[in-house]
């Protein structure tokens, strides 16, 4: 669990840092696509993709920072909650990156 406020703050800072890298990644990695999987549009696809990448990176960050195993220490719902606090910022970053690419 993320009971320690310093861990919670560190994870939030990690997510904020990763958000700043996303527009560059989109520009360099993703080309214009029309039908991406079964998503309504490119924004939906990239939003889901980056939420997953942020969750994976956050878990990795926590395990490395705590040098602990995942058992009982990390709740993936708490990680998702931290990421979701940046939901609108993530959507805005992706929209801008799509328009500029």
PDB file of N, CA and C in Angstrom:
ATOM      1  N   UNK A   1       0.831  -1.187   0.000  1.00  0.00           N
ATOM      2  CA  UNK A   1       0.000   0.000   0.000  1.00  0.00           C
ATOM      3  C   UNK A   1       0.875   1.248   0.000  1.00  0.00           C
ATOM      4  N   UNK A   2       0.308   2.330  -0.441  1.00  0.00           N
ATOM      5  CA  UNK A   2       1.059   3.576  -0.520  1.00  0.00           C
ATOM      6  C   UNK A   2       0.752   4.450   0.695  1.00  0.00           C
ATOM      7  N   UNK A   3       1.012   3.928   1.874  1.00  0.00           N
ATOM      8  CA  UNK A   3       0.733   4.667   3.093  1.00  0.00           C
ATOM      9  C   UNK A   3       1.726   5.789   3.339  1.00  0.00           C
ATOM     10  N   UNK A   4       2.943   5.618   2.922  1.00  0.00           N
ATOM     11  CA  UNK A   4       3.995   6.597   3.133  1.00  0.00           C
ATOM     12  C   UNK A   4       3.794   7.767   2.167  1.00  0.00           C
ATOM     13  N   UNK A   5       3.643   8.965   2.703  1.00  0.00           N
ATOM     14  CA  UNK A   5       3.373  10.135   1.857  1.00  0.00           C
ATOM     15  C   UNK A   5       4.558  10.471   0.958  1.00  0.00           C
ATOM     16  N   UNK A   6       5.769  10.156   1.390  1.00  0.00           N
ATOM     17  CA  UNK A   6       6.933  10.435   0.543  1.00  0.00           C
ATOM     18  C   UNK A   6       6.931   9.524  -0.685  1.00  0.00           C
ATOM     19  N   UNK A   7       6.484   8.286  -0.523  1.00  0.00           N
ATOM     20  CA  UNK A   7       6.375   7.374  -1.655  1.00  0.00           C
ATOM     21  C   UNK A   7       5.295   7.870  -2.603  1.00  0.00           C
ATOM     22  N   UNK A   8       4.175   8.280  -2.048  1.00  0.00           N
ATOM     23  CA  UNK A   8       3.071   8.797  -2.855  1.00  0.00           C
ATOM     24  C   UNK A   8       3.531  10.018  -3.653  1.00  0.00           C
ATOM     25  N   UNK A   9       4.239  10.929  -3.009  1.00  0.00           N
ATOM     26  CA  UNK A   9       4.721  12.138  -3.673  1.00  0.00           C
ATOM     27  C   UNK A   9       5.758  11.801  -4.743  1.00  0.00           C
ATOM     28  N   UNK A  10       6.649  10.876  -4.452  1.00  0.00           N
ATOM     29  CA  UNK A  10       7.648  10.457  -5.433  1.00  0.00           C
ATOM     30  C   UNK A  10       7.000   9.850  -6.663  1.00  0.00           C
ATOM     31  N   UNK A  11       5.978   9.040  -6.441  1.00  0.00           N
ATOM     32  CA  UNK A  11       5.272   8.427  -7.564  1.00  0.00           C
ATOM     33  C   UNK A  11       4.552   9.488  -8.389  1.00  0.00           C
ATOM     34  N   UNK A  12       3.943  10.448  -7.725  1.00  0.00           N
ATOM     35  CA  UNK A  12       3.269  11.538  -8.433  1.00  0.00           C
ATOM     36  C   UNK A  12       4.282  12.339  -9.257  1.00  0.00           C
ATOM     37  N   UNK A  13       5.446  12.601  -8.696  1.00  0.00           N
ATOM     38  CA  UNK A  13       6.497  13.306  -9.441  1.00  0.00           C
ATOM     39  C   UNK A  13       6.980  12.492 -10.634  1.00  0.00           C
ATOM     40  N   UNK A  14       7.077  11.186 -10.466  1.00  0.00           N
ATOM     41  CA  UNK A  14       7.465  10.311 -11.575  1.00  0.00           C
ATOM     42  C   UNK A  14       6.451  10.426 -12.714  1.00  0.00           C
ATOM     43  N   UNK A  15       5.166  10.369 -12.379  1.00  0.00           N
ATOM     44  CA  UNK A  15       4.111  10.470 -13.398  1.00  0.00           C
ATOM     45  C   UNK A  15       4.191  11.823 -14.097  1.00  0.00           C
ATOM     46  N   UNK A  16       4.366  12.902 -13.349  1.00  0.00           N
ATOM     47  CA  UNK A  16       4.483  14.232 -13.952  1.00  0.00           C
ATOM     48  C   UNK A  16       5.669  14.307 -14.915  1.00  0.00           C
ATOM     49  N   UNK A  17       6.786  13.715 -14.514  1.00  0.00           N
ATOM     50  CA  UNK A  17       7.974  13.709 -15.374  1.00  0.00           C
ATOM     51  C   UNK A  17       7.705  12.944 -16.667  1.00  0.00           C
ATOM     52  N   UNK A  18       7.081  11.790 -16.543  1.00  0.00           N
ATOM     53  CA  UNK A  18       6.769  10.979 -17.727  1.00  0.00           C
ATOM     54  C   UNK A  18       5.787  11.693 -18.650  1.00  0.00           C
ATOM     55  N   UNK A  19       4.850  12.449 -18.085  1.00  0.00           N
ATOM     56  CA  UNK A  19       3.884  13.180 -18.911  1.00  0.00           C
ATOM     57  C   UNK A  19       4.593  14.161 -19.838  1.00  0.00           C
ATOM     58  N   UNK A  20       5.667  14.747 -19.377  1.00  0.00           N
ATOM     59  CA  UNK A  20       6.393  15.715 -20.194  1.00  0.00           C
ATOM     60  C   UNK A  20       7.086  15.064 -21.391  1.00  0.00           C
ATOM     61  N   UNK A  21       7.367  13.781 -21.311  1.00  0.00           N
ATOM     62  CA  UNK A  21       8.038  13.064 -22.390  1.00  0.00           C
ATOM     63  C   UNK A  21       7.079  12.556 -23.461  1.00  0.00           C
ATOM     64  N   UNK A  22       5.808  12.466 -23.144  1.00  0.00           N
ATOM     65  CA  UNK A  22       4.834  11.852 -24.041  1.00  0.00           C
ATOM     66  C   UNK A  22       4.703  12.557 -25.388  1.00  0.00           C
ATOM     67  N   UNK A  23       4.592  13.891 -25.454  1.00  0.00           N
ATOM     68  CA  UNK A  23       4.456  14.511 -26.784  1.00  0.00           C
ATOM     69  C   UNK A  23       5.612  14.173 -27.733  1.00  0.00           C
ATOM     70  N   UNK A  24       6.827  14.145 -27.223  1.00  0.00           N
ATOM     71  CA  UNK A  24       7.976  13.785 -28.047  1.00  0.00           C
ATOM     72  C   UNK A  24       7.866  12.338 -28.515  1.00  0.00           C
ATOM     73  N   UNK A  25       7.478  11.438 -27.616  1.00  0.00           N
ATOM     74  CA  UNK A  25       7.323  10.029 -27.985  1.00  0.00           C
ATOM     75  C   UNK A  25       6.288   9.852 -29.079  1.00  0.00           C
ATOM     76  N   UNK A  26       5.172  10.548 -28.958  1.00  0.00           N
ATOM     77  CA  UNK A  26       4.114  10.444 -29.967  1.00  0.00           C
ATOM     78  C   UNK A  26       4.630  10.929 -31.316  1.00  0.00           C
ATOM     79  N   UNK A  27       5.308  12.051 -31.306  1.00  0.00           N
ATOM     80  CA  UNK A  27       5.829  12.626 -32.551  1.00  0.00           C
ATOM     81  C   UNK A  27       6.825  11.686 -33.215  1.00  0.00           C
ATOM     82  N   UNK A  28       7.668  11.047 -32.419  1.00  0.00           N
ATOM     83  CA  UNK A  28       8.714  10.182 -32.961  1.00  0.00           C
ATOM     84  C   UNK A  28       8.249   8.754 -33.247  1.00  0.00           C
ATOM     85  N   UNK A  29       7.220   8.291 -32.566  1.00  0.00           N
ATOM     86  CA  UNK A  29       6.854   6.883 -32.641  1.00  0.00           C
ATOM     87  C   UNK A  29       5.598   6.604 -33.449  1.00  0.00           C
ATOM     88  N   UNK A  30       4.564   7.397 -33.258  1.00  0.00           N
ATOM     89  CA  UNK A  30       3.275   7.095 -33.858  1.00  0.00           C
ATOM     90  C   UNK A  30       3.033   7.949 -35.091  1.00  0.00           C
ATOM     91  N   UNK A  31       2.659   7.279 -36.170  1.00  0.00           N
ATOM     92  CA  UNK A  31       2.289   7.976 -37.389  1.00  0.00           C
ATOM     93  C   UNK A  31       0.774   8.124 -37.418  1.00  0.00           C
ATOM     94  N   UNK A  32       0.298   8.945 -38.317  1.00  0.00           N
ATOM     95  CA  UNK A  32      -1.155   9.102 -38.458  1.00  0.00           C
ATOM     96  C   UNK A  32      -1.772   7.742 -38.773  1.00  0.00           C
ATOM     97  N   UNK A  33      -2.802   7.413 -38.044  1.00  0.00           N
ATOM     98  CA  UNK A  33      -3.513   6.164 -38.296  1.00  0.00           C
ATOM     99  C   UNK A  33      -4.994   6.460 -38.334  1.00  0.00           C
ATOM    100  N   UNK A  34      -5.731   5.636 -39.030  1.00  0.00           N
ATOM    101  CA  UNK A  34      -7.165   5.861 -39.092  1.00  0.00           C
ATOM    102  C   UNK A  34      -7.885   4.906 -38.160  1.00  0.00           C
ATOM    103  N   UNK A  35      -7.924   3.630 -38.474  1.00  0.00           N
ATOM    104  CA  UNK A  35      -8.574   2.654 -37.613  1.00  0.00           C
ATOM    105  C   UNK A  35      -7.530   1.986 -36.742  1.00  0.00           C
ATOM    106  N   UNK A  36      -7.401   2.427 -35.541  1.00  0.00           N
ATOM    107  CA  UNK A  36      -6.443   1.821 -34.623  1.00  0.00           C
ATOM    108  C   UNK A  36      -7.213   0.888 -33.706  1.00  0.00           C
ATOM    109  N   UNK A  37      -6.907  -0.370 -33.830  1.00  0.00           N
ATOM    110  CA  UNK A  37      -7.584  -1.407 -33.074  1.00  0.00           C
ATOM    111  C   UNK A  37      -9.083  -1.186 -33.151  1.00  0.00           C
ATOM    112  N   UNK A  38      -9.786  -1.145 -32.052  1.00  0.00           N
ATOM    113  CA  UNK A  38     -11.225  -0.911 -32.098  1.00  0.00           C
ATOM    114  C   UNK A  38     -11.580   0.327 -31.297  1.00  0.00           C
ATOM    115  N   UNK A  39     -10.696   1.302 -31.318  1.00  0.00           N
ATOM    116  CA  UNK A  39     -10.921   2.544 -30.593  1.00  0.00           C
ATOM    117  C   UNK A  39     -11.650   3.521 -31.504  1.00  0.00           C
ATOM    118  N   UNK A  40     -12.338   4.443 -30.892  1.00  0.00           N
ATOM    119  CA  UNK A  40     -13.064   5.456 -31.652  1.00  0.00           C
ATOM    120  C   UNK A  40     -12.130   6.303 -32.503  1.00  0.00           C
ATOM    121  N   UNK A  41     -10.975   6.619 -31.948  1.00  0.00           N
ATOM    122  CA  UNK A  41     -10.047   7.488 -32.671  1.00  0.00           C
ATOM    123  C   UNK A  41      -8.642   7.344 -32.100  1.00  0.00           C
ATOM    124  N   UNK A  42      -7.731   8.075 -32.698  1.00  0.00           N
ATOM    125  CA  UNK A  42      -6.335   8.033 -32.290  1.00  0.00           C
ATOM    126  C   UNK A  42      -6.151   8.479 -30.842  1.00  0.00           C
ATOM    127  N   UNK A  43      -6.898   9.492 -30.414  1.00  0.00           N
ATOM    128  CA  UNK A  43      -6.802   9.995 -29.047  1.00  0.00           C
ATOM    129  C   UNK A  43      -7.138   8.902 -28.039  1.00  0.00           C
ATOM    130  N   UNK A  44      -8.227   8.175 -28.276  1.00  0.00           N
ATOM    131  CA  UNK A  44      -8.613   7.104 -27.358  1.00  0.00           C
ATOM    132  C   UNK A  44      -7.550   6.007 -27.292  1.00  0.00           C
ATOM    133  N   UNK A  45      -7.029   5.640 -28.460  1.00  0.00           N
ATOM    134  CA  UNK A  45      -5.999   4.608 -28.501  1.00  0.00           C
ATOM    135  C   UNK A  45      -4.765   5.043 -27.715  1.00  0.00           C
ATOM    136  N   UNK A  46      -4.266   6.249 -28.004  1.00  0.00           N
ATOM    137  CA  UNK A  46      -3.047   6.722 -27.351  1.00  0.00           C
ATOM    138  C   UNK A  46      -3.255   6.957 -25.861  1.00  0.00           C
ATOM    139  N   UNK A  47      -4.447   7.408 -25.482  1.00  0.00           N
ATOM    140  CA  UNK A  47      -4.732   7.600 -24.058  1.00  0.00           C
ATOM    141  C   UNK A  47      -4.624   6.261 -23.323  1.00  0.00           C
ATOM    142  N   UNK A  48      -5.267   5.245 -23.840  1.00  0.00           N
ATOM    143  CA  UNK A  48      -5.207   3.915 -23.215  1.00  0.00           C
ATOM    144  C   UNK A  48      -3.794   3.358 -23.205  1.00  0.00           C
ATOM    145  N   UNK A  49      -3.091   3.571 -24.299  1.00  0.00           N
ATOM    146  CA  UNK A  49      -1.713   3.098 -24.400  1.00  0.00           C
ATOM    147  C   UNK A  49      -0.837   3.739 -23.327  1.00  0.00           C
ATOM    148  N   UNK A  50      -0.958   5.061 -23.182  1.00  0.00           N
ATOM    149  CA  UNK A  50      -0.094   5.748 -22.224  1.00  0.00           C
ATOM    150  C   UNK A  50      -0.525   5.545 -20.779  1.00  0.00           C
ATOM    151  N   UNK A  51      -1.785   5.320 -20.515  1.00  0.00           N
ATOM    152  CA  UNK A  51      -2.185   4.967 -19.148  1.00  0.00           C
ATOM    153  C   UNK A  51      -1.525   3.635 -18.774  1.00  0.00           C
ATOM    154  N   UNK A  52      -1.542   2.689 -19.701  1.00  0.00           N
ATOM    155  CA  UNK A  52      -0.882   1.400 -19.461  1.00  0.00           C
ATOM    156  C   UNK A  52       0.618   1.547 -19.269  1.00  0.00           C
ATOM    157  N   UNK A  53       1.253   2.372 -20.103  1.00  0.00           N
ATOM    158  CA  UNK A  53       2.694   2.596 -19.973  1.00  0.00           C
ATOM    159  C   UNK A  53       3.033   3.283 -18.654  1.00  0.00           C
ATOM    160  N   UNK A  54       2.197   4.227 -18.241  1.00  0.00           N
ATOM    161  CA  UNK A  54       2.422   4.912 -16.966  1.00  0.00           C
ATOM    162  C   UNK A  54       2.252   3.946 -15.794  1.00  0.00           C
ATOM    163  N   UNK A  55       1.260   3.057 -15.869  1.00  0.00           N
ATOM    164  CA  UNK A  55       1.067   2.071 -14.810  1.00  0.00           C
ATOM    165  C   UNK A  55       2.272   1.145 -14.721  1.00  0.00           C
ATOM    166  N   UNK A  56       2.719   0.658 -15.852  1.00  0.00           N
ATOM    167  CA  UNK A  56       3.878  -0.232 -15.881  1.00  0.00           C
ATOM    168  C   UNK A  56       5.123   0.464 -15.342  1.00  0.00           C
ATOM    169  N   UNK A  57       5.370   1.679 -15.813  1.00  0.00           N
ATOM    170  CA  UNK A  57       6.532   2.429 -15.356  1.00  0.00           C
ATOM    171  C   UNK A  57       6.461   2.769 -13.885  1.00  0.00           C
ATOM    172  N   UNK A  58       5.265   3.089 -13.400  1.00  0.00           N
ATOM    173  CA  UNK A  58       5.083   3.416 -11.981  1.00  0.00           C
ATOM    174  C   UNK A  58       5.368   2.210 -11.096  1.00  0.00           C
ATOM    175  N   UNK A  59       4.891   1.072 -11.504  1.00  0.00           N
ATOM    176  CA  UNK A  59       5.143  -0.147 -10.738  1.00  0.00           C
ATOM    177  C   UNK A  59       6.636  -0.441 -10.691  1.00  0.00           C
ATOM    178  N   UNK A  60       7.273  -0.310 -11.832  1.00  0.00           N
ATOM    179  CA  UNK A  60       8.722  -0.518 -11.910  1.00  0.00           C
ATOM    180  C   UNK A  60       9.456   0.481 -10.997  1.00  0.00           C
ATOM    181  N   UNK A  61       9.028   1.743 -11.056  1.00  0.00           N
ATOM    182  CA  UNK A  61       9.612   2.797 -10.231  1.00  0.00           C
ATOM    183  C   UNK A  61       9.485   2.467  -8.748  1.00  0.00           C
ATOM    184  N   UNK A  62       8.289   2.057  -8.327  1.00  0.00           N
ATOM    185  CA  UNK A  62       8.061   1.740  -6.922  1.00  0.00           C
ATOM    186  C   UNK A  62       8.884   0.547  -6.457  1.00  0.00           C
ATOM    187  N   UNK A  63       8.933  -0.466  -7.282  1.00  0.00           N
ATOM    188  CA  UNK A  63       9.701  -1.653  -6.891  1.00  0.00           C
ATOM    189  C   UNK A  63      11.182  -1.339  -6.794  1.00  0.00           C
ATOM    190  N   UNK A  64      11.666  -0.530  -7.717  1.00  0.00           N
ATOM    191  CA  UNK A  64      13.081  -0.162  -7.679  1.00  0.00           C
ATOM    192  C   UNK A  64      13.371   0.749  -6.476  1.00  0.00           C
ATOM    193  N   UNK A  65      12.476   1.696  -6.234  1.00  0.00           N
ATOM    194  CA  UNK A  65      12.676   2.645  -5.134  1.00  0.00           C
ATOM    195  C   UNK A  65      12.610   1.959  -3.775  1.00  0.00           C
ATOM    196  N   UNK A  66      11.735   0.980  -3.646  1.00  0.00           N
ATOM    197  CA  UNK A  66      11.552   0.331  -2.347  1.00  0.00           C
ATOM    198  C   UNK A  66      12.391  -0.925  -2.194  1.00  0.00           C
ATOM    199  N   UNK A  67      12.921  -1.415  -3.310  1.00  0.00           N
ATOM    200  CA  UNK A  67      13.684  -2.664  -3.306  1.00  0.00           C
ATOM    201  C   UNK A  67      12.901  -3.781  -2.630  1.00  0.00           C
ATOM    202  N   UNK A  68      11.618  -3.759  -2.884  1.00  0.00           N
ATOM    203  CA  UNK A  68      10.730  -4.751  -2.278  1.00  0.00           C
ATOM    204  C   UNK A  68      10.050  -5.553  -3.376  1.00  0.00           C
ATOM    205  N   UNK A  69       9.438  -6.609  -2.969  1.00  0.00           N
ATOM    206  CA  UNK A  69       8.627  -7.358  -3.915  1.00  0.00           C
ATOM    207  C   UNK A  69       7.259  -6.713  -3.980  1.00  0.00           C
ATOM    208  N   UNK A  70       6.504  -7.030  -4.997  1.00  0.00           N
ATOM    209  CA  UNK A  70       5.191  -6.421  -5.188  1.00  0.00           C
ATOM    210  C   UNK A  70       4.172  -6.916  -4.171  1.00  0.00           C
ATOM    211  N   UNK A  71       4.431  -8.014  -3.546  1.00  0.00           N
ATOM    212  CA  UNK A  71       3.466  -8.610  -2.646  1.00  0.00           C
ATOM    213  C   UNK A  71       3.055  -7.722  -1.484  1.00  0.00           C
ATOM    214  N   UNK A  72       1.821  -7.255  -1.486  1.00  0.00           N
ATOM    215  CA  UNK A  72       1.272  -6.498  -0.381  1.00  0.00           C
ATOM    216  C   UNK A  72       1.684  -5.045  -0.296  1.00  0.00           C
ATOM    217  N   UNK A  73       2.719  -4.641  -0.986  1.00  0.00           N
ATOM    218  CA  UNK A  73       3.198  -3.266  -0.866  1.00  0.00           C
ATOM    219  C   UNK A  73       2.527  -2.333  -1.867  1.00  0.00           C
ATOM    220  N   UNK A  74       2.306  -2.820  -3.073  1.00  0.00           N
ATOM    221  CA  UNK A  74       1.796  -1.970  -4.145  1.00  0.00           C
ATOM    222  C   UNK A  74       0.387  -2.386  -4.513  1.00  0.00           C
ATOM    223  N   UNK A  75      -0.502  -1.445  -4.490  1.00  0.00           N
ATOM    224  CA  UNK A  75      -1.874  -1.666  -4.921  1.00  0.00           C
ATOM    225  C   UNK A  75      -2.047  -0.995  -6.276  1.00  0.00           C
ATOM    226  N   UNK A  76      -2.300  -1.782  -7.310  1.00  0.00           N
ATOM    227  CA  UNK A  76      -2.390  -1.225  -8.663  1.00  0.00           C
ATOM    228  C   UNK A  76      -3.525  -0.216  -8.791  1.00  0.00           C
ATOM    229  N   UNK A  77      -4.553  -0.329  -7.952  1.00  0.00           N
ATOM    230  CA  UNK A  77      -5.633   0.652  -7.992  1.00  0.00           C
ATOM    231  C   UNK A  77      -5.167   2.012  -7.479  1.00  0.00           C
ATOM    232  N   UNK A  78      -4.261   1.988  -6.517  1.00  0.00           N
ATOM    233  CA  UNK A  78      -3.701   3.251  -6.025  1.00  0.00           C
ATOM    234  C   UNK A  78      -2.826   3.899  -7.090  1.00  0.00           C
ATOM    235  N   UNK A  79      -2.057   3.084  -7.793  1.00  0.00           N
ATOM    236  CA  UNK A  79      -1.239   3.613  -8.885  1.00  0.00           C
ATOM    237  C   UNK A  79      -2.141   4.223  -9.942  1.00  0.00           C
ATOM    238  N   UNK A  80      -3.191   3.508 -10.320  1.00  0.00           N
ATOM    239  CA  UNK A  80      -4.134   4.021 -11.323  1.00  0.00           C
ATOM    240  C   UNK A  80      -4.768   5.317 -10.837  1.00  0.00           C
ATOM    241  N   UNK A  81      -5.079   5.407  -9.554  1.00  0.00           N
ATOM    242  CA  UNK A  81      -5.664   6.623  -8.995  1.00  0.00           C
ATOM    243  C   UNK A  81      -4.747   7.828  -9.139  1.00  0.00           C
ATOM    244  N   UNK A  82      -3.466   7.614  -8.899  1.00  0.00           N
ATOM    245  CA  UNK A  82      -2.496   8.709  -9.054  1.00  0.00           C
ATOM    246  C   UNK A  82      -2.420   9.133 -10.513  1.00  0.00           C
ATOM    247  N   UNK A  83      -2.383   8.165 -11.407  1.00  0.00           N
ATOM    248  CA  UNK A  83      -2.338   8.482 -12.838  1.00  0.00           C
ATOM    249  C   UNK A  83      -3.601   9.220 -13.260  1.00  0.00           C
ATOM    250  N   UNK A  84      -4.736   8.780 -12.773  1.00  0.00           N
ATOM    251  CA  UNK A  84      -6.006   9.403 -13.153  1.00  0.00           C
ATOM    252  C   UNK A  84      -6.147  10.835 -12.635  1.00  0.00           C
ATOM    253  N   UNK A  85      -5.382  11.213 -11.618  1.00  0.00           N
ATOM    254  CA  UNK A  85      -5.434  12.610 -11.186  1.00  0.00           C
ATOM    255  C   UNK A  85      -4.859  13.530 -12.256  1.00  0.00           C
ATOM    256  N   UNK A  86      -4.107  12.951 -13.182  1.00  0.00           N
ATOM    257  CA  UNK A  86      -3.513  13.712 -14.286  1.00  0.00           C
ATOM    258  C   UNK A  86      -4.231  13.428 -15.617  1.00  0.00           C
ATOM    259  N   UNK A  87      -5.441  12.915 -15.531  1.00  0.00           N
ATOM    260  CA  UNK A  87      -6.213  12.498 -16.698  1.00  0.00           C
ATOM    261  C   UNK A  87      -6.336  13.589 -17.740  1.00  0.00           C
ATOM    262  N   UNK A  88      -6.782  14.767 -17.342  1.00  0.00           N
ATOM    263  CA  UNK A  88      -7.017  15.841 -18.307  1.00  0.00           C
ATOM    264  C   UNK A  88      -5.704  16.342 -18.914  1.00  0.00           C
ATOM    265  N   UNK A  89      -4.677  16.423 -18.095  1.00  0.00           N
ATOM    266  CA  UNK A  89      -3.371  16.844 -18.609  1.00  0.00           C
ATOM    267  C   UNK A  89      -2.865  15.851 -19.661  1.00  0.00           C
ATOM    268  N   UNK A  90      -3.028  14.568 -19.394  1.00  0.00           N
ATOM    269  CA  UNK A  90      -2.610  13.538 -20.345  1.00  0.00           C
ATOM    270  C   UNK A  90      -3.386  13.662 -21.648  1.00  0.00           C
ATOM    271  N   UNK A  91      -4.705  13.824 -21.563  1.00  0.00           N
ATOM    272  CA  UNK A  91      -5.518  13.969 -22.785  1.00  0.00           C
ATOM    273  C   UNK A  91      -5.100  15.201 -23.572  1.00  0.00           C
ATOM    274  N   UNK A  92      -4.860  16.308 -22.880  1.00  0.00           N
ATOM    275  CA  UNK A  92      -4.453  17.536 -23.566  1.00  0.00           C
ATOM    276  C   UNK A  92      -3.101  17.376 -24.249  1.00  0.00           C
ATOM    277  N   UNK A  93      -2.146  16.749 -23.577  1.00  0.00           N
ATOM    278  CA  UNK A  93      -0.827  16.515 -24.168  1.00  0.00           C
ATOM    279  C   UNK A  93      -0.930  15.657 -25.425  1.00  0.00           C
ATOM    280  N   UNK A  94      -1.753  14.620 -25.359  1.00  0.00           N
ATOM    281  CA  UNK A  94      -1.917  13.732 -26.512  1.00  0.00           C
ATOM    282  C   UNK A  94      -2.592  14.470 -27.665  1.00  0.00           C
ATOM    283  N   UNK A  95      -3.644  15.236 -27.365  1.00  0.00           N
ATOM    284  CA  UNK A  95      -4.320  16.001 -28.416  1.00  0.00           C
ATOM    285  C   UNK A  95      -3.372  16.949 -29.121  1.00  0.00           C
ATOM    286  N   UNK A  96      -2.579  17.682 -28.357  1.00  0.00           N
ATOM    287  CA  UNK A  96      -1.609  18.609 -28.946  1.00  0.00           C
ATOM    288  C   UNK A  96      -0.605  17.876 -29.806  1.00  0.00           C
ATOM    289  N   UNK A  97      -0.102  16.749 -29.312  1.00  0.00           N
ATOM    290  CA  UNK A  97       0.895  15.982 -30.062  1.00  0.00           C
ATOM    291  C   UNK A  97       0.311  15.452 -31.369  1.00  0.00           C
ATOM    292  N   UNK A  98      -0.929  15.030 -31.353  1.00  0.00           N
ATOM    293  CA  UNK A  98      -1.583  14.536 -32.567  1.00  0.00           C
ATOM    294  C   UNK A  98      -1.715  15.673 -33.589  1.00  0.00           C
ATOM    295  N   UNK A  99      -2.148  16.828 -33.127  1.00  0.00           N
ATOM    296  CA  UNK A  99      -2.323  17.973 -34.024  1.00  0.00           C
ATOM    297  C   UNK A  99      -1.003  18.449 -34.603  1.00  0.00           C
ATOM    298  N   UNK A 100       0.074  18.367 -33.831  1.00  0.00           N
ATOM    299  CA  UNK A 100       1.370  18.870 -34.277  1.00  0.00           C
ATOM    300  C   UNK A 100       2.187  17.856 -35.061  1.00  0.00           C
ATOM    301  N   UNK A 101       1.694  16.623 -35.159  1.00  0.00           N
ATOM    302  CA  UNK A 101       2.495  15.637 -35.897  1.00  0.00           C
ATOM    303  C   UNK A 101       2.014  15.463 -37.309  1.00  0.00           C
TER     304      UNK A 101
END
